[in-house]
Protein backbone atom coordinates (compact mmCIF):
# COMPACT_ATOMS: atom_id res chain seq x y z
CA MET A 1 117.72 65.99 53.31
CA GLU A 2 117.43 65.34 57.01
CA GLN A 3 114.12 66.37 58.52
CA ASN A 4 113.94 69.64 60.48
CA LYS A 5 117.63 70.72 59.78
CA VAL A 6 117.77 74.33 58.44
CA TYR A 7 118.53 74.18 54.52
CA THR A 8 119.22 76.82 51.86
CA ILE A 9 117.16 75.77 49.01
CA LYS A 10 117.36 77.14 45.45
CA LEU A 11 114.05 76.88 43.54
CA ILE A 12 113.67 76.40 39.85
CA SER A 13 112.35 79.96 39.80
CA GLY A 14 115.67 81.17 40.89
CA GLU A 15 114.61 82.07 44.35
CA GLU A 16 116.78 81.31 47.40
CA ILE A 17 114.81 80.17 50.49
CA ILE A 18 115.97 79.29 53.95
CA ALA A 19 113.68 76.82 55.90
CA ARG A 20 113.61 73.81 57.97
CA ILE A 21 112.11 71.00 55.87
CA LYS A 22 110.10 67.70 55.97
CA GLN A 23 109.99 65.50 52.88
CA GLU A 24 107.55 62.67 51.92
CA GLY A 25 106.25 61.28 48.69
CA GLY A 26 107.54 63.77 46.47
CA VAL A 27 106.59 66.74 48.30
CA THR A 28 108.76 69.07 50.49
CA GLU A 29 107.09 70.99 53.39
CA LEU A 30 109.11 74.46 54.04
CA ILE A 31 108.57 75.19 57.64
CA LYS A 32 108.49 79.00 58.23
CA PRO A 33 110.37 79.56 54.99
CA ARG A 34 112.38 82.94 54.67
CA ALA A 35 113.57 84.56 51.35
CA ILE A 36 116.93 86.17 51.14
CA ALA A 37 117.09 89.88 50.47
CA MET A 38 119.99 91.94 49.63
CA ASN A 39 120.23 95.19 51.32
CA ALA A 40 121.86 98.44 50.15
CA THR A 41 125.25 97.82 52.15
CA GLY A 42 125.99 94.59 50.25
CA GLY A 43 124.60 92.32 53.15
CA PHE A 44 121.55 90.42 53.17
CA GLY A 45 118.35 89.90 55.52
CA MET A 46 115.66 87.35 55.73
CA MET A 47 112.01 88.07 55.11
CA PRO A 48 108.90 85.89 55.19
CA TRP A 49 108.59 84.20 51.81
CA LEU A 50 104.87 84.67 51.90
CA VAL A 51 104.39 88.06 53.27
CA SER A 52 100.59 87.66 53.68
CA ALA A 53 101.21 84.41 55.64
CA PRO A 54 104.58 85.04 57.39
CA ASP A 55 104.55 81.96 59.74
CA SER A 56 102.89 79.54 57.36
CA ASN A 57 104.33 76.33 56.34
CA VAL A 58 104.41 75.72 52.37
CA LEU A 59 104.13 72.61 50.36
CA ILE A 60 106.21 72.47 47.10
CA ALA A 61 106.75 69.64 44.76
CA ASP A 62 110.33 68.24 45.20
CA THR A 63 110.74 68.81 41.31
CA ALA A 64 110.68 72.78 42.13
CA ILE A 65 114.06 72.22 44.00
CA VAL A 66 117.23 72.74 41.86
CA GLY A 67 119.45 72.32 44.88
CA ALA A 68 119.86 72.48 48.71
CA VAL A 69 122.55 72.61 51.06
CA GLU A 70 122.58 72.78 54.88
CA THR A 71 122.66 76.27 55.93
CA GLY A 72 125.86 77.63 57.54
CA SER A 73 125.71 78.04 61.36
CA ILE A 74 125.64 81.71 61.51
CA VAL A 75 122.62 82.08 59.07
CA ALA A 76 120.91 79.12 60.68
CA THR A 77 121.21 80.55 64.11
CA GLN A 78 119.67 83.78 62.77
CA TYR A 79 116.77 81.90 61.13
CA ILE A 80 116.06 79.94 64.38
CA LYS A 81 116.04 83.24 66.38
CA GLN A 82 113.77 84.88 63.90
CA THR A 83 111.42 82.09 63.36
CA THR A 84 111.14 80.91 67.08
CA GLY A 85 112.50 83.59 69.16
CA ILE A 86 114.97 81.12 70.74
CA GLN A 87 118.63 82.64 71.00
CA VAL A 88 120.95 79.81 70.27
């Protein structure tokens, strides 16, 4: 995975996370990770993965990742807006 691109990551626990990443030595740093949450209308929203530390970066073992794909442009734009305040 390329450093600092926005990825959708599926964890071994089944959770789906959106985050920018940095990888080094078997560890992935999730930068301001957001969890995907479905809403009542069938859409989805993003919420901090760690509610008690919403803007914290999180280190996870690479072995916790089942799969990852570069996040689609519409969702990536919303992630950037939510985590940085920058309108792309």
